[in-house]
Amino acid sequence: MTVLAAAVKRAHCNDGLFWEDLAVGQVMTFGHCLVSREDIIGFARQYDPQPSHIDEQAARTTMLKGLAASGWHICTVFMTMLHDGLLSHCRVARLHAIEEIKWRTPVRPGDQLSCQVSVLAKTSGSARPGFGACTLDCAALNAGGRVVMSWKLQLDFMYREIRSDGATEFESDHRTSTVVRRPGDHGIKYFEDVRQGDEIKLGDHEFTADRIADFGKRYCRQPVHPDAAVERPSASGWHVTAVWMQRLVRYYMRETVKLQAAGHSVPQLGPSLGIKQLRWHRPVYEGDVLTFASLAERKLLTTSKPGWGLLIARTIIHNQDNEDVASFFVTLFLERRSKA
């Protein structure tokens, strides 16, 4: 019996786990997923076609030193395990934001992943009447027990008994942006040349019923956003972030062609360390057209990877009505013009 199954049995809740059934310090382990070479390349070809994810020989020359899964691919795998192993056992559990994602170790072909979820804190009351909040520390582990990815998130769980607790705010190290957008599309640049406020416009994408259904069938069927209307086809939040990655890589490819045609060298884009404050602000339905853009927030020097700097960028995703759909901060490696 898994730790989760034991918790369900102890709770005597045939109708699902409630907020009262979770305890601070509780650790739950569940899930099993084999990540194959075909899975890695299949996802990457569609959403993250970088050499490190699609070409074994070229991947050896990248910072990842071999073929590895896209971080967004592992998010979809983990979300499916989290849903099947925990959320589906709950009476109602709602996720609409993740405070932090860290990609810690590359996931290689043949890796077998499992989930470990620890309850860090419980709050009586949430933004939704009838719900209490739990802050969870989630980890994806490989067969050797090494953490390949971690999440810190807050889930709202339904109370077993009706309460009158007031709404509370998500406990987080909330980062506010004071960066002013610089007009124009600034293209890809070396680390030293990026200025705060530089924006790159990544283009649009229409979420058709076929695209929504295909992503759900292949990767992640959960819509994520709790307010998604059941009777309307809605996209998984991970579908939205995967399309952002797709737009970014395609933008980089187009800009590379332009720079090479003009006789310029091309700055290399390295892997991402992780995500902060991932928010899904509203559901994405069939027919919605989303616009993707990223804005340079700040730069960090690093001594661990000579020849590279760390760029923190803010991503903003709007729908056709200019409403915020999703947002997050991403930290990624960017090649330096000066290698010293």
C-alpha atoms as a PDB file:
ATOM      1  CA  MET A   1       0.000   0.000   0.000  1.00  0.00           C
ATOM      2  CA  THR A   2       1.377   3.394  -0.931  1.00  0.00           C
ATOM      3  CA  VAL A   3       1.647   6.191   1.615  1.00  0.00           C
ATOM      4  CA  LEU A   4      -1.209   7.947  -0.169  1.00  0.00           C
ATOM      5  CA  ALA A   5      -3.447   4.874  -0.121  1.00  0.00           C
ATOM      6  CA  ALA A   6      -2.822   4.508   3.604  1.00  0.00           C
ATOM      7  CA  ALA A   7      -3.821   8.132   4.144  1.00  0.00           C
ATOM      8  CA  VAL A   8      -7.058   7.586   2.229  1.00  0.00           C
ATOM      9  CA  LYS A   9      -7.845   4.488   4.277  1.00  0.00           C
ATOM     10  CA  ARG A  10      -7.141   6.252   7.581  1.00  0.00           C
ATOM     11  CA  ALA A  11      -9.402   9.129   6.574  1.00  0.00           C
ATOM     12  CA  HIS A  12     -12.369   6.772   5.977  1.00  0.00           C
ATOM     13  CA  CYS A  13     -13.514   9.077   3.218  1.00  0.00           C
ATOM     14  CA  ASN A  14     -15.030   7.087   0.406  1.00  0.00           C
ATOM     15  CA  ASP A  15     -16.163  10.396  -1.064  1.00  0.00           C
ATOM     16  CA  GLY A  16     -12.605  11.704  -1.257  1.00  0.00           C
ATOM     17  CA  LEU A  17      -9.950  13.468   0.775  1.00  0.00           C
ATOM     18  CA  PHE A  18     -10.832  16.808   2.370  1.00  0.00           C
ATOM     19  CA  TRP A  19      -8.733  19.621   3.850  1.00  0.00           C
ATOM     20  CA  GLU A  20      -9.095  18.066   7.317  1.00  0.00           C
ATOM     21  CA  ASP A  21      -7.473  14.806   6.141  1.00  0.00           C
ATOM     22  CA  LEU A  22      -4.107  16.419   5.386  1.00  0.00           C
ATOM     23  CA  ALA A  23      -1.579  17.136   8.134  1.00  0.00           C
ATOM     24  CA  VAL A  24       1.477  19.393   8.210  1.00  0.00           C
ATOM     25  CA  GLY A  25       4.560  17.217   7.843  1.00  0.00           C
ATOM     26  CA  GLN A  26       2.665  14.482   6.021  1.00  0.00           C
ATOM     27  CA  VAL A  27       4.612  12.934   3.133  1.00  0.00           C
ATOM     28  CA  MET A  28       2.864  11.098   0.297  1.00  0.00           C
ATOM     29  CA  THR A  29       4.566   8.994  -2.355  1.00  0.00           C
ATOM     30  CA  PHE A  30       2.859   7.700  -5.465  1.00  0.00           C
ATOM     31  CA  GLY A  31       3.025   7.474  -9.242  1.00  0.00           C
ATOM     32  CA  HIS A  32       5.199   5.778 -11.797  1.00  0.00           C
ATOM     33  CA  CYS A  33       6.080   6.895 -15.311  1.00  0.00           C
ATOM     34  CA  LEU A  34       8.718   5.683 -17.743  1.00  0.00           C
ATOM     35  CA  VAL A  35      10.041   8.501 -19.948  1.00  0.00           C
ATOM     36  CA  SER A  36      11.145   6.998 -23.247  1.00  0.00           C
ATOM     37  CA  ARG A  37      13.386   8.374 -25.968  1.00  0.00           C
ATOM     38  CA  GLU A  38      10.350   8.517 -28.259  1.00  0.00           C
ATOM     39  CA  ASP A  39       8.395  10.497 -25.638  1.00  0.00           C
ATOM     40  CA  ILE A  40      11.217  13.022 -25.229  1.00  0.00           C
ATOM     41  CA  ILE A  41      11.740  13.604 -28.939  1.00  0.00           C
ATOM     42  CA  GLY A  42       8.008  13.568 -29.764  1.00  0.00           C
ATOM     43  CA  PHE A  43       7.152  16.330 -27.285  1.00  0.00           C
ATOM     44  CA  ALA A  44      10.228  18.378 -28.169  1.00  0.00           C
ATOM     45  CA  ARG A  45       9.650  18.280 -31.909  1.00  0.00           C
ATOM     46  CA  GLN A  46       6.281  19.902 -31.412  1.00  0.00           C
ATOM     47  CA  TYR A  47       6.879  22.259 -28.486  1.00  0.00           C
ATOM     48  CA  ASP A  48      10.600  22.591 -27.666  1.00  0.00           C
ATOM     49  CA  PRO A  49      12.704  21.715 -30.744  1.00  0.00           C
ATOM     50  CA  GLN A  50      16.122  22.483 -29.300  1.00  0.00           C
ATOM     51  CA  PRO A  51      19.092  20.185 -30.114  1.00  0.00           C
ATOM     52  CA  SER A  52      19.350  18.988 -26.508  1.00  0.00           C
ATOM     53  CA  HIS A  53      15.844  17.497 -26.773  1.00  0.00           C
ATOM     54  CA  ILE A  54      15.659  16.133 -30.323  1.00  0.00           C
ATOM     55  CA  ASP A  55      19.150  15.184 -31.582  1.00  0.00           C
ATOM     56  CA  GLU A  56      21.290  12.778 -29.555  1.00  0.00           C
ATOM     57  CA  GLN A  57      24.555  13.650 -31.285  1.00  0.00           C
ATOM     58  CA  ALA A  58      24.025  17.429 -31.164  1.00  0.00           C
ATOM     59  CA  ALA A  59      22.800  17.184 -27.559  1.00  0.00           C
ATOM     60  CA  ARG A  60      26.242  15.977 -26.433  1.00  0.00           C
ATOM     61  CA  THR A  61      27.700  19.379 -27.316  1.00  0.00           C
ATOM     62  CA  THR A  62      25.101  21.342 -25.306  1.00  0.00           C
ATOM     63  CA  MET A  63      25.162  22.310 -21.651  1.00  0.00           C
ATOM     64  CA  LEU A  64      22.981  19.263 -20.852  1.00  0.00           C
ATOM     65  CA  LYS A  65      25.679  16.898 -22.244  1.00  0.00           C
ATOM     66  CA  GLY A  66      23.207  14.509 -23.850  1.00  0.00           C
ATOM     67  CA  LEU A  67      19.614  13.982 -24.868  1.00  0.00           C
ATOM     68  CA  ALA A  68      17.247  15.206 -22.145  1.00  0.00           C
ATOM     69  CA  ALA A  69      13.542  15.899 -21.803  1.00  0.00           C
ATOM     70  CA  SER A  70      12.142  19.402 -22.079  1.00  0.00           C
ATOM     71  CA  GLY A  71      11.329  20.828 -18.666  1.00  0.00           C
ATOM     72  CA  TRP A  72       7.783  21.554 -19.836  1.00  0.00           C
ATOM     73  CA  HIS A  73       7.432  17.910 -20.887  1.00  0.00           C
ATOM     74  CA  ILE A  74       8.326  16.782 -17.361  1.00  0.00           C
ATOM     75  CA  CYS A  75       5.775  19.240 -15.983  1.00  0.00           C
ATOM     76  CA  THR A  76       3.024  17.509 -17.979  1.00  0.00           C
ATOM     77  CA  VAL A  77       4.230  14.080 -16.818  1.00  0.00           C
ATOM     78  CA  PHE A  78       4.311  15.233 -13.214  1.00  0.00           C
ATOM     79  CA  MET A  79       0.897  16.908 -13.435  1.00  0.00           C
ATOM     80  CA  THR A  80      -0.629  13.685 -14.728  1.00  0.00           C
ATOM     81  CA  MET A  81       0.915  11.688 -11.869  1.00  0.00           C
ATOM     82  CA  LEU A  82      -0.180  14.344  -9.357  1.00  0.00           C
ATOM     83  CA  HIS A  83      -3.743  14.223 -10.669  1.00  0.00           C
ATOM     84  CA  ASP A  84      -3.983  10.437 -10.824  1.00  0.00           C
ATOM     85  CA  GLY A  85      -2.182   9.890  -7.518  1.00  0.00           C
ATOM     86  CA  LEU A  86      -3.594  12.683  -5.330  1.00  0.00           C
ATOM     87  CA  LEU A  87      -6.055  15.144  -6.844  1.00  0.00           C
ATOM     88  CA  SER A  88      -8.403  12.452  -8.160  1.00  0.00           C
ATOM     89  CA  HIS A  89      -8.694  11.125  -4.576  1.00  0.00           C
ATOM     90  CA  CYS A  90      -9.797  14.529  -3.253  1.00  0.00           C
ATOM     91  CA  ARG A  91     -13.400  15.668  -2.973  1.00  0.00           C
ATOM     92  CA  VAL A  92     -12.405  18.904  -4.710  1.00  0.00           C
ATOM     93  CA  ALA A  93      -8.868  20.281  -5.078  1.00  0.00           C
ATOM     94  CA  ARG A  94      -8.107  23.395  -7.102  1.00  0.00           C
ATOM     95  CA  LEU A  95      -4.806  24.523  -8.564  1.00  0.00           C
ATOM     96  CA  HIS A  96      -4.352  27.774 -10.456  1.00  0.00           C
ATOM     97  CA  ALA A  97      -0.810  28.831  -9.588  1.00  0.00           C
ATOM     98  CA  ILE A  98       2.634  27.410  -8.840  1.00  0.00           C
ATOM     99  CA  GLU A  99       5.004  29.542  -6.838  1.00  0.00           C
ATOM    100  CA  GLU A 100       8.216  27.919  -7.996  1.00  0.00           C
ATOM    101  CA  ILE A 101       9.417  25.277 -10.437  1.00  0.00           C
ATOM    102  CA  LYS A 102      13.043  24.134 -10.421  1.00  0.00           C
ATOM    103  CA  TRP A 103      14.521  21.789 -13.011  1.00  0.00           C
ATOM    104  CA  ARG A 104      17.342  20.201 -11.012  1.00  0.00           C
ATOM    105  CA  THR A 105      18.617  17.208 -12.980  1.00  0.00           C
ATOM    106  CA  PRO A 106      18.175  16.315 -16.657  1.00  0.00           C
ATOM    107  CA  VAL A 107      15.651  13.561 -17.352  1.00  0.00           C
ATOM    108  CA  ARG A 108      17.193  11.015 -19.702  1.00  0.00           C
ATOM    109  CA  PRO A 109      15.623   8.371 -21.941  1.00  0.00           C
ATOM    110  CA  GLY A 110      14.582   5.398 -19.834  1.00  0.00           C
ATOM    111  CA  ASP A 111      14.240   7.333 -16.570  1.00  0.00           C
ATOM    112  CA  GLN A 112      11.419   6.136 -14.340  1.00  0.00           C
ATOM    113  CA  LEU A 113       9.796   8.961 -12.394  1.00  0.00           C
ATOM    114  CA  SER A 114       7.649   8.991  -9.269  1.00  0.00           C
ATOM    115  CA  CYS A 115       6.105  11.692  -7.043  1.00  0.00           C
ATOM    116  CA  GLN A 116       6.758  12.763  -3.488  1.00  0.00           C
ATOM    117  CA  VAL A 117       4.481  15.390  -1.948  1.00  0.00           C
ATOM    118  CA  SER A 118       5.046  16.979   1.473  1.00  0.00           C
ATOM    119  CA  VAL A 119       2.505  19.186   3.270  1.00  0.00           C
ATOM    120  CA  LEU A 120       4.417  22.298   4.357  1.00  0.00           C
ATOM    121  CA  ALA A 121       1.581  24.389   5.781  1.00  0.00           C
ATOM    122  CA  LYS A 122      -2.189  24.571   6.131  1.00  0.00           C
ATOM    123  CA  THR A 123      -4.302  27.730   6.190  1.00  0.00           C
ATOM    124  CA  SER A 124      -7.863  27.814   7.418  1.00  0.00           C
ATOM    125  CA  GLY A 125      -9.584  29.775   4.694  1.00  0.00           C
ATOM    126  CA  SER A 126      -8.681  30.474   1.086  1.00  0.00           C
ATOM    127  CA  ALA A 127      -9.746  32.762  -1.724  1.00  0.00           C
ATOM    128  CA  ARG A 128     -12.778  30.497  -2.222  1.00  0.00           C
ATOM    129  CA  PRO A 129     -15.548  30.067   0.381  1.00  0.00           C
ATOM    130  CA  GLY A 130     -15.732  26.505   1.650  1.00  0.00           C
ATOM    131  CA  PHE A 131     -12.071  25.770   0.988  1.00  0.00           C
ATOM    132  CA  GLY A 132      -8.885  25.666   3.034  1.00  0.00           C
ATOM    133  CA  ALA A 133      -5.392  26.068   1.594  1.00  0.00           C
ATOM    134  CA  CYS A 134      -2.409  23.743   1.777  1.00  0.00           C
ATOM    135  CA  THR A 135       1.120  24.638   0.723  1.00  0.00           C
ATOM    136  CA  LEU A 136       2.844  21.620  -0.807  1.00  0.00           C
ATOM    137  CA  ASP A 137       6.437  20.791  -1.631  1.00  0.00           C
ATOM    138  CA  CYS A 138       6.370  18.428  -4.622  1.00  0.00           C
ATOM    139  CA  ALA A 139       9.271  16.500  -6.111  1.00  0.00           C
ATOM    140  CA  ALA A 140       9.690  14.286  -9.153  1.00  0.00           C
ATOM    141  CA  LEU A 141      12.202  11.541  -8.374  1.00  0.00           C
ATOM    142  CA  ASN A 142      14.098   9.231 -10.692  1.00  0.00           C
ATOM    143  CA  ALA A 143      14.675   5.540  -9.954  1.00  0.00           C
ATOM    144  CA  GLY A 144      17.805   6.414  -7.976  1.00  0.00           C
ATOM    145  CA  GLY A 145      15.822   8.717  -5.684  1.00  0.00           C
ATOM    146  CA  ARG A 146      17.358  11.871  -7.117  1.00  0.00           C
ATOM    147  CA  VAL A 147      15.116  14.937  -7.430  1.00  0.00           C
ATOM    148  CA  VAL A 148      14.851  15.890 -11.098  1.00  0.00           C
ATOM    149  CA  MET A 149      12.244  18.630 -10.627  1.00  0.00           C
ATOM    150  CA  SER A 150      10.565  20.354  -7.691  1.00  0.00           C
ATOM    151  CA  TRP A 151       7.431  22.463  -7.313  1.00  0.00           C
ATOM    152  CA  LYS A 152       6.192  24.669  -4.502  1.00  0.00           C
ATOM    153  CA  LEU A 153       2.482  25.274  -4.854  1.00  0.00           C
ATOM    154  CA  GLN A 154      -0.729  26.028  -3.030  1.00  0.00           C
ATOM    155  CA  LEU A 155      -3.833  23.903  -3.473  1.00  0.00           C
ATOM    156  CA  ASP A 156      -7.310  24.718  -2.229  1.00  0.00           C
ATOM    157  CA  PHE A 157      -9.068  21.687  -0.696  1.00  0.00           C
ATOM    158  CA  MET A 158     -12.752  21.518   0.130  1.00  0.00           C
ATOM    159  CA  TYR A 159     -13.729  21.386   3.821  1.00  0.00           C
ATOM    160  CA  ARG A 160     -15.552  18.319   5.073  1.00  0.00           C
ATOM    161  CA  GLU A 161     -17.639  20.581   7.306  1.00  0.00           C
ATOM    162  CA  ILE A 162     -18.918  24.034   6.363  1.00  0.00           C
ATOM    163  CA  ARG A 163     -16.820  26.855   7.831  1.00  0.00           C
ATOM    164  CA  SER A 164     -17.015  30.635   7.787  1.00  0.00           C
ATOM    165  CA  ASP A 165     -13.292  31.360   7.398  1.00  0.00           C
ATOM    166  CA  GLY A 166     -12.425  34.501   5.490  1.00  0.00           C
ATOM    167  CA  ALA A 167     -10.360  34.585   2.328  1.00  0.00           C
ATOM    168  CA  THR A 168      -6.576  34.638   2.621  1.00  0.00           C
ATOM    169  CA  GLU A 169      -3.796  35.552   0.229  1.00  0.00           C
ATOM    170  CA  PHE A 170      -1.371  33.045  -1.233  1.00  0.00           C
ATOM    171  CA  GLU A 171       1.697  32.990   1.009  1.00  0.00           C
ATOM    172  CA  SER A 172       4.596  33.710  -1.319  1.00  0.00           C
ATOM    173  CA  ASP A 173       7.685  35.795  -1.915  1.00  0.00           C
ATOM    174  CA  HIS A 174       5.638  37.756  -4.430  1.00  0.00           C
ATOM    175  CA  ARG A 175       7.803  39.518  -6.979  1.00  0.00           C
ATOM    176  CA  THR A 176       6.467  42.732  -8.417  1.00  0.00           C
ATOM    177  CA  SER A 177       7.848  44.175 -11.615  1.00  0.00           C
ATOM    178  CA  THR A 178       8.894  47.814 -11.970  1.00  0.00           C
ATOM    179  CA  VAL A 179      10.511  47.345 -15.377  1.00  0.00           C
ATOM    180  CA  VAL A 180       9.322  49.669 -18.109  1.00  0.00           C
ATOM    181  CA  ARG A 181       8.848  48.056 -21.502  1.00  0.00           C
ATOM    182  CA  ARG A 182      11.148  49.483 -24.174  1.00  0.00           C
ATOM    183  CA  PRO A 183       9.285  50.022 -27.462  1.00  0.00           C
ATOM    184  CA  GLY A 184       9.987  47.712 -30.393  1.00  0.00           C
ATOM    185  CA  ASP A 185      10.956  44.098 -30.885  1.00  0.00           C
ATOM    186  CA  HIS A 186      14.540  43.801 -29.683  1.00  0.00           C
ATOM    187  CA  GLY A 187      15.468  40.388 -31.071  1.00  0.00           C
ATOM    188  CA  ILE A 188      18.014  37.995 -29.617  1.00  0.00           C
ATOM    189  CA  LYS A 189      21.209  39.442 -28.155  1.00  0.00           C
ATOM    190  CA  TYR A 190      24.297  38.455 -26.256  1.00  0.00           C
ATOM    191  CA  PHE A 191      24.019  38.705 -22.478  1.00  0.00           C
ATOM    192  CA  GLU A 192      25.990  41.979 -22.291  1.00  0.00           C
ATOM    193  CA  ASP A 193      23.795  43.634 -24.918  1.00  0.00           C
ATOM    194  CA  VAL A 194      20.435  42.948 -23.272  1.00  0.00           C
ATOM    195  CA  ARG A 195      18.916  45.995 -21.586  1.00  0.00           C
ATOM    196  CA  GLN A 196      16.287  45.991 -18.896  1.00  0.00           C
ATOM    197  CA  GLY A 197      12.876  46.333 -20.505  1.00  0.00           C
ATOM    198  CA  ASP A 198      13.881  44.769 -23.850  1.00  0.00           C
ATOM    199  CA  GLU A 199      10.868  42.929 -25.237  1.00  0.00           C
ATOM    200  CA  ILE A 200      10.611  40.129 -27.744  1.00  0.00           C
ATOM    201  CA  LYS A 201       7.260  39.521 -29.403  1.00  0.00           C
ATOM    202  CA  LEU A 202       6.788  35.813 -29.933  1.00  0.00           C
ATOM    203  CA  GLY A 203       3.619  35.848 -32.005  1.00  0.00           C
ATOM    204  CA  ASP A 204       0.097  34.432 -31.758  1.00  0.00           C
ATOM    205  CA  HIS A 205      -1.456  30.978 -31.494  1.00  0.00           C
ATOM    206  CA  GLU A 206      -5.066  29.869 -31.886  1.00  0.00           C
ATOM    207  CA  PHE A 207      -6.272  27.153 -29.532  1.00  0.00           C
ATOM    208  CA  THR A 208      -8.578  25.095 -31.707  1.00  0.00           C
ATOM    209  CA  ALA A 209     -10.668  22.188 -30.436  1.00  0.00           C
ATOM    210  CA  ASP A 210      -8.402  19.729 -32.274  1.00  0.00           C
ATOM    211  CA  ARG A 211      -5.233  21.200 -30.765  1.00  0.00           C
ATOM    212  CA  ILE A 212      -6.714  21.185 -27.265  1.00  0.00           C
ATOM    213  CA  ALA A 213      -7.883  17.587 -27.623  1.00  0.00           C
ATOM    214  CA  ASP A 214      -4.559  16.413 -29.077  1.00  0.00           C
ATOM    215  CA  PHE A 215      -2.501  17.916 -26.254  1.00  0.00           C
ATOM    216  CA  GLY A 216      -4.867  16.446 -23.667  1.00  0.00           C
ATOM    217  CA  LYS A 217      -4.670  13.006 -25.237  1.00  0.00           C
ATOM    218  CA  ARG A 218      -0.902  13.010 -25.624  1.00  0.00           C
ATOM    219  CA  TYR A 219       0.357  14.886 -22.590  1.00  0.00           C
ATOM    220  CA  CYS A 220      -1.977  16.345 -19.995  1.00  0.00           C
ATOM    221  CA  ARG A 221      -5.768  16.193 -19.849  1.00  0.00           C
ATOM    222  CA  GLN A 222      -6.281  18.408 -16.789  1.00  0.00           C
ATOM    223  CA  PRO A 223      -7.475  21.951 -17.626  1.00  0.00           C
ATOM    224  CA  VAL A 224      -5.631  23.239 -14.478  1.00  0.00           C
ATOM    225  CA  HIS A 225      -7.642  26.426 -14.162  1.00  0.00           C
ATOM    226  CA  PRO A 226     -10.442  25.762 -11.628  1.00  0.00           C
ATOM    227  CA  ASP A 227     -12.900  28.152 -13.282  1.00  0.00           C
ATOM    228  CA  ALA A 228     -12.890  26.415 -16.670  1.00  0.00           C
ATOM    229  CA  ALA A 229     -16.440  25.712 -17.800  1.00  0.00           C
ATOM    230  CA  VAL A 230     -17.055  21.958 -17.929  1.00  0.00           C
ATOM    231  CA  GLU A 231     -19.272  22.128 -20.998  1.00  0.00           C
ATOM    232  CA  ARG A 232     -16.684  23.989 -23.113  1.00  0.00           C
ATOM    233  CA  PRO A 233     -13.371  22.601 -24.456  1.00  0.00           C
ATOM    234  CA  SER A 234     -10.639  24.288 -22.428  1.00  0.00           C
ATOM    235  CA  ALA A 235      -6.880  23.978 -22.754  1.00  0.00           C
ATOM    236  CA  SER A 236      -4.612  22.587 -20.092  1.00  0.00           C
ATOM    237  CA  GLY A 237      -2.515  25.298 -18.494  1.00  0.00           C
ATOM    238  CA  TRP A 238       0.508  23.240 -19.510  1.00  0.00           C
ATOM    239  CA  HIS A 239      -0.634  23.455 -23.116  1.00  0.00           C
ATOM    240  CA  VAL A 240      -0.412  27.255 -22.799  1.00  0.00           C
ATOM    241  CA  THR A 241       3.124  27.200 -21.359  1.00  0.00           C
ATOM    242  CA  ALA A 242       4.252  24.592 -23.914  1.00  0.00           C
ATOM    243  CA  VAL A 243       3.071  26.841 -26.736  1.00  0.00           C
ATOM    244  CA  TRP A 244       5.060  29.720 -25.189  1.00  0.00           C
ATOM    245  CA  MET A 245       8.152  27.516 -25.378  1.00  0.00           C
ATOM    246  CA  GLN A 246       7.305  26.596 -28.965  1.00  0.00           C
ATOM    247  CA  ARG A 247       6.922  30.285 -29.898  1.00  0.00           C
ATOM    248  CA  LEU A 248      10.233  31.155 -28.198  1.00  0.00           C
ATOM    249  CA  VAL A 249      12.235  28.475 -30.020  1.00  0.00           C
ATOM    250  CA  ARG A 250      10.682  29.309 -33.396  1.00  0.00           C
ATOM    251  CA  TYR A 251      11.388  33.015 -32.795  1.00  0.00           C
ATOM    252  CA  TYR A 252      14.998  32.184 -31.980  1.00  0.00           C
ATOM    253  CA  MET A 253      15.287  30.142 -35.199  1.00  0.00           C
ATOM    254  CA  ARG A 254      13.915  32.988 -37.324  1.00  0.00           C
ATOM    255  CA  GLU A 255      16.240  35.526 -35.718  1.00  0.00           C
ATOM    256  CA  THR A 256      19.187  33.171 -36.200  1.00  0.00           C
ATOM    257  CA  VAL A 257      18.551  33.097 -39.947  1.00  0.00           C
ATOM    258  CA  LYS A 258      18.409  36.909 -40.033  1.00  0.00           C
ATOM    259  CA  LEU A 259      21.647  37.350 -38.095  1.00  0.00           C
ATOM    260  CA  GLN A 260      23.521  34.777 -40.155  1.00  0.00           C
ATOM    261  CA  ALA A 261      22.281  36.331 -43.417  1.00  0.00           C
ATOM    262  CA  ALA A 262      23.653  39.685 -42.235  1.00  0.00           C
ATOM    263  CA  GLY A 263      27.002  38.114 -41.352  1.00  0.00           C
ATOM    264  CA  HIS A 264      26.563  38.372 -37.564  1.00  0.00           C
ATOM    265  CA  SER A 265      27.326  35.746 -34.939  1.00  0.00           C
ATOM    266  CA  VAL A 266      24.401  34.205 -33.074  1.00  0.00           C
ATOM    267  CA  PRO A 267      24.181  34.187 -29.258  1.00  0.00           C
ATOM    268  CA  GLN A 268      23.308  30.763 -27.882  1.00  0.00           C
ATOM    269  CA  LEU A 269      20.330  30.197 -25.632  1.00  0.00           C
ATOM    270  CA  GLY A 270      21.024  27.806 -22.761  1.00  0.00           C
ATOM    271  CA  PRO A 271      18.660  25.770 -20.580  1.00  0.00           C
ATOM    272  CA  SER A 272      16.329  27.239 -17.998  1.00  0.00           C
ATOM    273  CA  LEU A 273      16.909  26.827 -14.277  1.00  0.00           C
ATOM    274  CA  GLY A 274      13.263  27.252 -13.430  1.00  0.00           C
ATOM    275  CA  ILE A 275      10.121  29.323 -13.142  1.00  0.00           C
ATOM    276  CA  LYS A 276       8.772  31.699 -10.512  1.00  0.00           C
ATOM    277  CA  GLN A 277       5.175  32.743  -9.893  1.00  0.00           C
ATOM    278  CA  LEU A 278       3.464  30.772 -12.615  1.00  0.00           C
ATOM    279  CA  ARG A 279      -0.127  32.033 -12.714  1.00  0.00           C
ATOM    280  CA  TRP A 280      -3.029  30.925 -14.878  1.00  0.00           C
ATOM    281  CA  HIS A 281      -5.317  33.948 -14.657  1.00  0.00           C
ATOM    282  CA  ARG A 282      -8.261  32.676 -16.696  1.00  0.00           C
ATOM    283  CA  PRO A 283      -9.258  29.650 -18.747  1.00  0.00           C
ATOM    284  CA  VAL A 284      -8.347  29.267 -22.422  1.00  0.00           C
ATOM    285  CA  TYR A 285     -11.232  28.019 -24.549  1.00  0.00           C
ATOM    286  CA  GLU A 286     -11.654  26.727 -28.061  1.00  0.00           C
ATOM    287  CA  GLY A 287     -11.197  29.622 -30.501  1.00  0.00           C
ATOM    288  CA  ASP A 288      -9.102  31.797 -28.168  1.00  0.00           C
ATOM    289  CA  VAL A 289      -6.091  33.425 -29.835  1.00  0.00           C
ATOM    290  CA  LEU A 290      -3.221  34.083 -27.442  1.00  0.00           C
ATOM    291  CA  THR A 291      -0.385  36.572 -27.905  1.00  0.00           C
ATOM    292  CA  PHE A 292       3.007  35.772 -26.344  1.00  0.00           C
ATOM    293  CA  ALA A 293       5.742  38.192 -25.298  1.00  0.00           C
ATOM    294  CA  SER A 294       8.727  38.176 -22.921  1.00  0.00           C
ATOM    295  CA  LEU A 295      10.404  41.134 -21.231  1.00  0.00           C
ATOM    296  CA  ALA A 296      13.961  41.331 -19.836  1.00  0.00           C
ATOM    297  CA  GLU A 297      13.691  41.912 -16.068  1.00  0.00           C
ATOM    298  CA  ARG A 298      17.265  41.653 -14.837  1.00  0.00           C
ATOM    299  CA  LYS A 299      20.610  39.968 -15.406  1.00  0.00           C
ATOM    300  CA  LEU A 300      22.778  37.945 -13.038  1.00  0.00           C
ATOM    301  CA  LEU A 301      26.447  37.060 -13.380  1.00  0.00           C
ATOM    302  CA  THR A 302      27.412  33.452 -12.741  1.00  0.00           C
ATOM    303  CA  THR A 303      30.775  31.842 -12.075  1.00  0.00           C
ATOM    304  CA  SER A 304      29.512  28.258 -12.347  1.00  0.00           C
ATOM    305  CA  LYS A 305      29.170  28.413 -16.150  1.00  0.00           C
ATOM    306  CA  PRO A 306      31.986  30.445 -17.771  1.00  0.00           C
ATOM    307  CA  GLY A 307      30.854  32.218 -20.906  1.00  0.00           C
ATOM    308  CA  TRP A 308      27.231  32.427 -19.777  1.00  0.00           C
ATOM    309  CA  GLY A 309      25.020  34.819 -17.839  1.00  0.00           C
ATOM    310  CA  LEU A 310      21.608  34.372 -16.269  1.00  0.00           C
ATOM    311  CA  LEU A 311      18.687  36.329 -17.683  1.00  0.00           C
ATOM    312  CA  ILE A 312      15.431  36.689 -15.763  1.00  0.00           C
ATOM    313  CA  ALA A 313      12.538  37.412 -18.110  1.00  0.00           C
ATOM    314  CA  ARG A 314       8.893  38.127 -17.444  1.00  0.00           C
ATOM    315  CA  THR A 315       6.455  36.371 -19.737  1.00  0.00           C
ATOM    316  CA  ILE A 316       3.014  37.824 -20.412  1.00  0.00           C
ATOM    317  CA  ILE A 317       0.296  35.974 -22.324  1.00  0.00           C
ATOM    318  CA  HIS A 318      -2.892  37.757 -23.460  1.00  0.00           C
ATOM    319  CA  ASN A 319      -6.023  36.604 -25.234  1.00  0.00           C
ATOM    320  CA  GLN A 320      -7.778  38.317 -28.133  1.00  0.00           C
ATOM    321  CA  ASP A 321      -9.601  40.602 -25.664  1.00  0.00           C
ATOM    322  CA  ASN A 322      -6.261  41.787 -24.234  1.00  0.00           C
ATOM    323  CA  GLU A 323      -6.972  39.947 -20.967  1.00  0.00           C
ATOM    324  CA  ASP A 324      -4.139  38.333 -19.002  1.00  0.00           C
ATOM    325  CA  VAL A 325      -4.271  34.558 -19.441  1.00  0.00           C
ATOM    326  CA  ALA A 326      -0.975  33.464 -17.893  1.00  0.00           C
ATOM    327  CA  SER A 327       2.267  34.956 -16.592  1.00  0.00           C
ATOM    328  CA  PHE A 328       5.539  33.845 -15.030  1.00  0.00           C
ATOM    329  CA  PHE A 329       9.208  34.707 -14.513  1.00  0.00           C
ATOM    330  CA  VAL A 330      11.774  32.445 -16.176  1.00  0.00           C
ATOM    331  CA  THR A 331      15.503  32.213 -15.427  1.00  0.00           C
ATOM    332  CA  LEU A 332      17.664  30.965 -18.276  1.00  0.00           C
ATOM    333  CA  PHE A 333      21.270  30.892 -19.448  1.00  0.00           C
ATOM    334  CA  LEU A 334      22.297  33.282 -22.224  1.00  0.00           C
ATOM    335  CA  GLU A 335      25.682  33.262 -23.947  1.00  0.00           C
ATOM    336  CA  ARG A 336      28.094  36.117 -23.215  1.00  0.00           C
ATOM    337  CA  ARG A 337      29.917  38.022 -25.915  1.00  0.00           C
ATOM    338  CA  SER A 338      32.932  38.088 -23.661  1.00  0.00           C
ATOM    339  CA  LYS A 339      33.889  34.597 -22.488  1.00  0.00           C
ATOM    340  CA  ALA A 340      35.994  35.856 -19.587  1.00  0.00           C
END
